[in-house]
N, C-alpha and C. Protein backbone atom coordinates (compact mmCIF):
# COMPACT_ATOMS: atom_id res chain seq x y z
N MET A 1 49.91 105.70 47.34
CA MET A 1 49.15 104.45 47.38
C MET A 1 48.55 104.28 48.78
N THR A 2 47.29 103.94 48.82
CA THR A 2 46.64 103.74 50.11
C THR A 2 47.07 102.42 50.72
N GLU A 3 47.14 102.44 52.04
CA GLU A 3 47.52 101.21 52.72
C GLU A 3 46.37 100.20 52.64
N ARG A 4 46.73 98.95 52.38
CA ARG A 4 45.71 97.92 52.32
C ARG A 4 45.36 97.46 53.73
N ILE A 5 44.09 97.19 53.93
CA ILE A 5 43.63 96.66 55.21
C ILE A 5 43.31 95.20 54.99
N VAL A 6 43.93 94.35 55.81
CA VAL A 6 43.76 92.92 55.65
C VAL A 6 42.48 92.45 56.34
N VAL A 7 41.70 91.67 55.60
CA VAL A 7 40.55 90.96 56.15
C VAL A 7 40.93 89.48 56.13
N VAL A 8 40.82 88.84 57.28
CA VAL A 8 41.16 87.42 57.35
C VAL A 8 39.90 86.59 57.17
N GLY A 9 40.04 85.52 56.41
CA GLY A 9 38.95 84.57 56.23
C GLY A 9 39.41 83.22 56.73
N ALA A 10 38.48 82.46 57.30
CA ALA A 10 38.82 81.15 57.83
C ALA A 10 38.20 80.06 56.98
N ALA A 11 39.06 79.19 56.47
CA ALA A 11 38.59 77.95 55.86
C ALA A 11 38.59 76.95 57.02
N LEU A 12 37.49 76.97 57.78
CA LEU A 12 37.39 76.13 58.97
C LEU A 12 37.05 74.71 58.52
N LEU A 13 37.97 73.78 58.80
CA LEU A 13 37.84 72.41 58.31
C LEU A 13 37.58 71.46 59.47
N ASP A 14 36.73 70.49 59.21
CA ASP A 14 36.43 69.47 60.21
C ASP A 14 36.07 68.18 59.48
N GLY A 15 36.90 67.17 59.63
CA GLY A 15 36.62 65.89 58.99
C GLY A 15 36.48 65.98 57.48
N GLY A 16 37.29 66.82 56.85
CA GLY A 16 37.22 66.94 55.39
C GLY A 16 36.09 67.82 54.89
N ARG A 17 35.38 68.50 55.81
CA ARG A 17 34.30 69.40 55.43
C ARG A 17 34.71 70.85 55.70
N LEU A 18 34.12 71.77 54.93
CA LEU A 18 34.40 73.20 55.05
C LEU A 18 33.16 73.91 55.60
N LEU A 19 33.38 74.83 56.54
CA LEU A 19 32.26 75.59 57.10
C LEU A 19 31.97 76.81 56.24
N ALA A 20 30.71 76.96 55.83
CA ALA A 20 30.24 78.14 55.10
C ALA A 20 29.28 78.90 56.00
N ALA A 21 29.34 80.25 55.93
CA ALA A 21 28.49 81.10 56.77
C ALA A 21 27.68 82.02 55.86
N ARG A 22 26.35 82.08 56.08
CA ARG A 22 25.48 82.93 55.27
C ARG A 22 25.35 84.31 55.91
N ARG A 23 25.67 85.34 55.13
CA ARG A 23 25.64 86.72 55.60
C ARG A 23 24.20 87.15 55.90
N SER A 24 24.03 87.90 56.98
CA SER A 24 22.73 88.50 57.28
C SER A 24 22.77 90.01 57.04
N ALA A 25 23.99 90.58 56.90
CA ALA A 25 24.16 92.01 56.66
C ALA A 25 25.54 92.21 56.04
N PRO A 26 25.77 93.34 55.40
CA PRO A 26 24.84 94.38 54.98
C PRO A 26 23.90 93.87 53.89
N PRO A 27 22.85 94.65 53.57
CA PRO A 27 21.82 94.18 52.64
C PRO A 27 22.37 93.66 51.30
N GLU A 28 23.42 94.31 50.77
CA GLU A 28 23.92 93.88 49.46
C GLU A 28 24.63 92.52 49.51
N LEU A 29 24.99 92.05 50.72
CA LEU A 29 25.65 90.75 50.86
C LEU A 29 24.74 89.69 51.50
N ALA A 30 23.63 90.12 52.08
CA ALA A 30 22.75 89.21 52.81
C ALA A 30 22.28 88.07 51.91
N GLY A 31 22.29 86.86 52.48
CA GLY A 31 21.82 85.69 51.75
C GLY A 31 22.92 84.96 50.98
N ARG A 32 24.09 85.59 50.83
CA ARG A 32 25.21 84.93 50.14
C ARG A 32 26.12 84.31 51.19
N TRP A 33 26.92 83.36 50.77
CA TRP A 33 27.75 82.59 51.69
C TRP A 33 29.20 83.03 51.61
N GLU A 34 29.91 82.90 52.74
CA GLU A 34 31.31 83.32 52.80
C GLU A 34 32.07 82.44 53.76
N LEU A 35 33.40 82.62 53.71
CA LEU A 35 34.26 82.07 54.74
C LEU A 35 34.22 83.07 55.90
N PRO A 36 33.93 82.63 57.12
CA PRO A 36 33.84 83.60 58.23
C PRO A 36 35.18 84.25 58.51
N GLY A 37 35.13 85.44 59.11
CA GLY A 37 36.35 86.16 59.45
C GLY A 37 36.06 87.64 59.59
N GLY A 38 37.11 88.46 59.48
CA GLY A 38 36.91 89.90 59.61
C GLY A 38 38.22 90.65 59.57
N LYS A 39 38.13 91.95 59.87
CA LYS A 39 39.29 92.84 59.77
C LYS A 39 40.33 92.58 60.85
N VAL A 40 41.59 92.73 60.45
CA VAL A 40 42.69 92.68 61.41
C VAL A 40 42.76 94.06 62.07
N GLU A 41 42.72 94.09 63.40
CA GLU A 41 42.78 95.35 64.13
C GLU A 41 44.23 95.81 64.28
N ALA A 42 44.42 97.10 64.55
CA ALA A 42 45.76 97.66 64.74
C ALA A 42 46.49 96.90 65.84
N GLY A 43 47.74 96.53 65.57
CA GLY A 43 48.57 95.84 66.55
C GLY A 43 48.27 94.35 66.69
N GLU A 44 47.40 93.83 65.86
CA GLU A 44 46.99 92.43 65.94
C GLU A 44 47.63 91.65 64.78
N THR A 45 48.07 90.44 65.02
CA THR A 45 48.55 89.62 63.91
C THR A 45 47.33 89.05 63.18
N PRO A 46 47.49 88.71 61.90
CA PRO A 46 46.36 88.10 61.18
C PRO A 46 45.86 86.83 61.87
N GLU A 47 46.79 86.02 62.38
CA GLU A 47 46.37 84.78 63.04
C GLU A 47 45.55 85.07 64.30
N ALA A 48 45.97 86.07 65.08
CA ALA A 48 45.21 86.44 66.29
C ALA A 48 43.84 86.99 65.90
N ALA A 49 43.77 87.76 64.81
CA ALA A 49 42.49 88.29 64.34
C ALA A 49 41.56 87.16 63.94
N LEU A 50 42.11 86.15 63.29
CA LEU A 50 41.30 85.00 62.87
C LEU A 50 40.67 84.31 64.07
N VAL A 51 41.48 84.04 65.09
CA VAL A 51 40.98 83.39 66.31
C VAL A 51 39.91 84.26 66.97
N ARG A 52 40.16 85.58 67.08
CA ARG A 52 39.20 86.49 67.72
C ARG A 52 37.90 86.55 66.93
N GLU A 53 38.00 86.71 65.60
CA GLU A 53 36.80 86.83 64.77
C GLU A 53 35.94 85.56 64.86
N LEU A 54 36.56 84.39 64.86
CA LEU A 54 35.78 83.15 64.93
C LEU A 54 35.14 82.98 66.30
N ARG A 55 35.81 83.49 67.34
CA ARG A 55 35.21 83.46 68.68
C ARG A 55 33.98 84.38 68.70
N GLU A 56 34.12 85.60 68.13
CA GLU A 56 33.01 86.57 68.14
C GLU A 56 31.86 86.14 67.23
N GLU A 57 32.18 85.66 66.03
CA GLU A 57 31.14 85.36 65.04
C GLU A 57 30.51 83.99 65.23
N LEU A 58 31.29 83.01 65.73
CA LEU A 58 30.81 81.63 65.78
C LEU A 58 30.79 81.01 67.17
N GLY A 59 31.42 81.69 68.14
CA GLY A 59 31.44 81.18 69.52
C GLY A 59 32.29 79.95 69.71
N VAL A 60 33.34 79.81 68.90
CA VAL A 60 34.21 78.64 69.02
C VAL A 60 35.67 79.06 69.14
N GLU A 61 36.47 78.17 69.72
CA GLU A 61 37.91 78.37 69.81
C GLU A 61 38.56 77.58 68.69
N THR A 62 39.48 78.23 67.97
CA THR A 62 40.09 77.62 66.80
C THR A 62 41.60 77.83 66.82
N ALA A 63 42.28 77.11 65.94
CA ALA A 63 43.71 77.30 65.74
C ALA A 63 43.96 77.45 64.25
N PRO A 64 44.66 78.53 63.84
CA PRO A 64 45.05 78.66 62.43
C PRO A 64 46.02 77.53 62.08
N VAL A 65 45.93 77.02 60.85
CA VAL A 65 46.82 75.94 60.43
C VAL A 65 47.81 76.46 59.40
N GLU A 66 47.33 76.92 58.23
CA GLU A 66 48.25 77.47 57.24
C GLU A 66 47.55 78.53 56.40
N ARG A 67 48.34 79.51 55.95
CA ARG A 67 47.79 80.54 55.08
C ARG A 67 47.77 80.02 53.66
N LEU A 68 46.64 80.23 52.98
CA LEU A 68 46.55 79.86 51.57
C LEU A 68 47.36 80.86 50.76
N PRO A 69 47.99 80.43 49.67
CA PRO A 69 48.75 81.37 48.86
C PRO A 69 47.81 82.38 48.20
N GLY A 70 48.30 83.61 48.08
CA GLY A 70 47.54 84.65 47.38
C GLY A 70 46.73 85.52 48.32
N GLU A 71 46.19 86.59 47.74
CA GLU A 71 45.23 87.46 48.43
C GLU A 71 44.29 87.97 47.37
N TRP A 72 43.07 88.30 47.80
CA TRP A 72 42.03 88.65 46.85
C TRP A 72 41.45 90.01 47.20
N PRO A 73 41.30 90.88 46.17
CA PRO A 73 40.81 92.23 46.44
C PRO A 73 39.34 92.22 46.86
N LEU A 74 39.05 93.05 47.84
CA LEU A 74 37.68 93.32 48.26
C LEU A 74 37.42 94.78 47.88
N LYS A 75 36.42 95.39 48.47
CA LYS A 75 36.20 96.82 48.25
C LYS A 75 37.41 97.58 48.78
N PRO A 76 38.04 98.47 47.96
CA PRO A 76 39.24 99.18 48.44
C PRO A 76 38.97 99.87 49.77
N PRO A 77 39.94 99.86 50.67
CA PRO A 77 41.33 99.39 50.59
C PRO A 77 41.52 97.96 51.12
N TYR A 78 40.46 97.14 51.15
CA TYR A 78 40.53 95.83 51.80
C TYR A 78 41.03 94.73 50.87
N VAL A 79 41.79 93.80 51.44
CA VAL A 79 42.19 92.58 50.73
C VAL A 79 41.91 91.39 51.63
N LEU A 80 41.52 90.28 51.01
CA LEU A 80 41.19 89.06 51.74
C LEU A 80 42.39 88.11 51.72
N ARG A 81 42.78 87.65 52.89
CA ARG A 81 43.78 86.59 53.03
C ARG A 81 43.11 85.48 53.83
N VAL A 82 43.34 84.24 53.40
CA VAL A 82 42.62 83.11 54.00
C VAL A 82 43.59 82.12 54.61
N TRP A 83 43.21 81.65 55.78
CA TRP A 83 43.95 80.60 56.49
C TRP A 83 43.04 79.39 56.65
N THR A 84 43.62 78.19 56.56
CA THR A 84 42.87 77.04 57.02
C THR A 84 42.95 77.06 58.54
N ALA A 85 41.92 76.53 59.17
CA ALA A 85 41.85 76.53 60.63
C ALA A 85 41.10 75.29 61.08
N ARG A 86 41.33 74.93 62.34
CA ARG A 86 40.62 73.77 62.89
C ARG A 86 40.00 74.16 64.23
N LEU A 87 38.92 73.46 64.56
CA LEU A 87 38.28 73.64 65.87
C LEU A 87 39.16 73.01 66.93
N LEU A 88 39.25 73.67 68.09
CA LEU A 88 39.99 73.08 69.20
C LEU A 88 39.07 72.11 69.95
N PRO A 89 39.61 71.03 70.50
CA PRO A 89 38.78 70.08 71.25
C PRO A 89 38.00 70.78 72.36
N GLY A 90 36.75 70.37 72.53
CA GLY A 90 35.91 70.94 73.58
C GLY A 90 35.32 72.29 73.24
N SER A 91 35.55 72.76 72.01
CA SER A 91 35.07 74.08 71.60
C SER A 91 33.58 74.11 71.30
N GLY A 92 32.99 72.94 71.01
CA GLY A 92 31.57 72.88 70.66
C GLY A 92 31.35 73.15 69.18
N GLU A 93 30.08 73.20 68.81
CA GLU A 93 29.71 73.44 67.41
C GLU A 93 29.61 74.94 67.15
N PRO A 94 30.08 75.41 66.00
CA PRO A 94 29.92 76.82 65.64
C PRO A 94 28.45 77.22 65.57
N LYS A 95 28.15 78.45 65.98
CA LYS A 95 26.79 79.00 65.91
C LYS A 95 26.86 80.37 65.24
N PRO A 96 25.84 80.75 64.46
CA PRO A 96 25.85 82.08 63.82
C PRO A 96 25.48 83.18 64.81
N LEU A 97 26.49 83.79 65.46
CA LEU A 97 26.23 84.78 66.51
C LEU A 97 26.20 86.21 65.98
N GLN A 98 26.99 86.50 64.94
CA GLN A 98 27.18 87.89 64.52
C GLN A 98 27.38 87.90 63.01
N ASP A 99 26.63 88.75 62.29
CA ASP A 99 26.77 88.94 60.84
C ASP A 99 26.29 87.77 59.99
N HIS A 100 25.87 86.66 60.61
CA HIS A 100 25.42 85.50 59.85
C HIS A 100 24.10 85.00 60.42
N ASP A 101 23.27 84.36 59.54
CA ASP A 101 22.01 83.79 60.05
C ASP A 101 21.95 82.28 59.85
N ALA A 102 22.99 81.70 59.22
CA ALA A 102 23.03 80.25 59.03
C ALA A 102 24.46 79.81 58.79
N LEU A 103 24.74 78.57 59.18
CA LEU A 103 26.05 77.95 58.92
C LEU A 103 25.78 76.58 58.34
N CYS A 104 26.71 76.09 57.51
CA CYS A 104 26.60 74.69 57.09
C CYS A 104 27.98 74.14 56.78
N TRP A 105 28.14 72.86 57.11
CA TRP A 105 29.36 72.12 56.79
C TRP A 105 29.17 71.51 55.42
N LEU A 106 30.14 71.72 54.53
CA LEU A 106 30.04 71.22 53.17
C LEU A 106 31.15 70.22 52.87
N ALA A 107 30.77 69.04 52.40
CA ALA A 107 31.74 68.07 51.91
C ALA A 107 32.23 68.57 50.55
N PRO A 108 33.38 68.09 50.07
CA PRO A 108 33.89 68.57 48.78
C PRO A 108 32.86 68.54 47.65
N ALA A 109 32.04 67.51 47.58
CA ALA A 109 31.04 67.41 46.51
C ALA A 109 29.90 68.43 46.66
N GLU A 110 29.79 69.05 47.85
CA GLU A 110 28.69 69.99 48.11
C GLU A 110 29.14 71.46 48.08
N ILE A 111 30.44 71.70 47.90
CA ILE A 111 31.00 73.06 48.02
C ILE A 111 30.22 74.08 47.18
N TRP A 112 29.85 73.72 45.96
CA TRP A 112 29.20 74.69 45.07
C TRP A 112 27.68 74.68 45.19
N ASN A 113 27.14 74.01 46.22
CA ASN A 113 25.68 74.01 46.44
C ASN A 113 25.18 75.31 47.05
N VAL A 114 26.10 76.17 47.50
CA VAL A 114 25.70 77.46 48.09
C VAL A 114 26.19 78.59 47.19
N SER A 115 25.57 79.74 47.32
CA SER A 115 25.92 80.91 46.51
C SER A 115 26.99 81.73 47.24
N TRP A 116 28.27 81.43 46.94
CA TRP A 116 29.39 82.11 47.59
C TRP A 116 29.47 83.57 47.14
N LEU A 117 29.94 84.44 48.02
CA LEU A 117 30.27 85.81 47.62
C LEU A 117 31.38 85.73 46.58
N ASP A 118 31.30 86.58 45.57
CA ASP A 118 32.27 86.53 44.46
C ASP A 118 33.71 86.56 44.95
N GLN A 119 33.99 87.42 45.96
CA GLN A 119 35.38 87.56 46.40
C GLN A 119 35.89 86.31 47.13
N ASP A 120 34.99 85.45 47.60
CA ASP A 120 35.42 84.24 48.31
C ASP A 120 35.66 83.06 47.36
N VAL A 121 35.14 83.13 46.14
CA VAL A 121 35.23 81.99 45.22
C VAL A 121 36.67 81.52 44.97
N PRO A 122 37.63 82.43 44.67
CA PRO A 122 39.01 81.94 44.43
C PRO A 122 39.59 81.25 45.66
N ALA A 123 39.31 81.75 46.85
CA ALA A 123 39.81 81.13 48.08
C ALA A 123 39.16 79.77 48.29
N VAL A 124 37.87 79.68 48.01
CA VAL A 124 37.16 78.40 48.16
C VAL A 124 37.76 77.37 47.19
N ARG A 125 38.11 77.81 45.98
CA ARG A 125 38.76 76.89 45.02
C ARG A 125 40.08 76.37 45.58
N GLU A 126 40.86 77.25 46.22
CA GLU A 126 42.14 76.85 46.84
C GLU A 126 41.90 75.80 47.93
N VAL A 127 40.86 76.03 48.75
CA VAL A 127 40.55 75.09 49.83
C VAL A 127 40.12 73.75 49.23
N LEU A 128 39.28 73.81 48.23
CA LEU A 128 38.77 72.59 47.61
C LEU A 128 39.92 71.74 47.06
N ALA A 129 40.91 72.38 46.48
CA ALA A 129 42.07 71.66 45.94
C ALA A 129 42.79 70.90 47.05
N ARG A 130 42.73 71.43 48.29
CA ARG A 130 43.38 70.76 49.42
C ARG A 130 42.52 69.63 49.98
N LEU A 131 41.21 69.74 49.81
CA LEU A 131 40.30 68.73 50.35
C LEU A 131 40.19 67.51 49.45
N GLU A 132 40.23 67.75 48.14
CA GLU A 132 40.03 66.65 47.20
C GLU A 132 41.31 65.81 47.09
N PRO A 133 41.14 64.49 47.06
CA PRO A 133 42.33 63.65 46.92
C PRO A 133 42.98 63.91 45.56
N ALA A 134 44.30 63.96 45.55
CA ALA A 134 45.03 64.27 44.30
C ALA A 134 44.93 63.12 43.32
């Protein structure tokens, strides 16, 4: 069995809104929306990878809050694991620096207004369940 490579995704939350990032590459993913994040490097914890990826992709400092239950298959050998995260004070507004050409904050009622990547949909549903009042 091949070893799975973890890709971390961030459900970056701010005031009850979720940050969505529109892919600019590769061509087969361009124009679709995702939770920002990326691969965990050798010797790195998933939480450290999340903080690094958000710094590289969005130019912000963040703190992981909790891991969502489950993991979702991507193209083998990758699997997606998602954490909720928050912006640290003084971090500024996220900007699309790498792999993305647009960002938007979505309130719970707006979550499905964007075309999410298929592999992100189950994670987005998990996040939405946490955002909506029970």
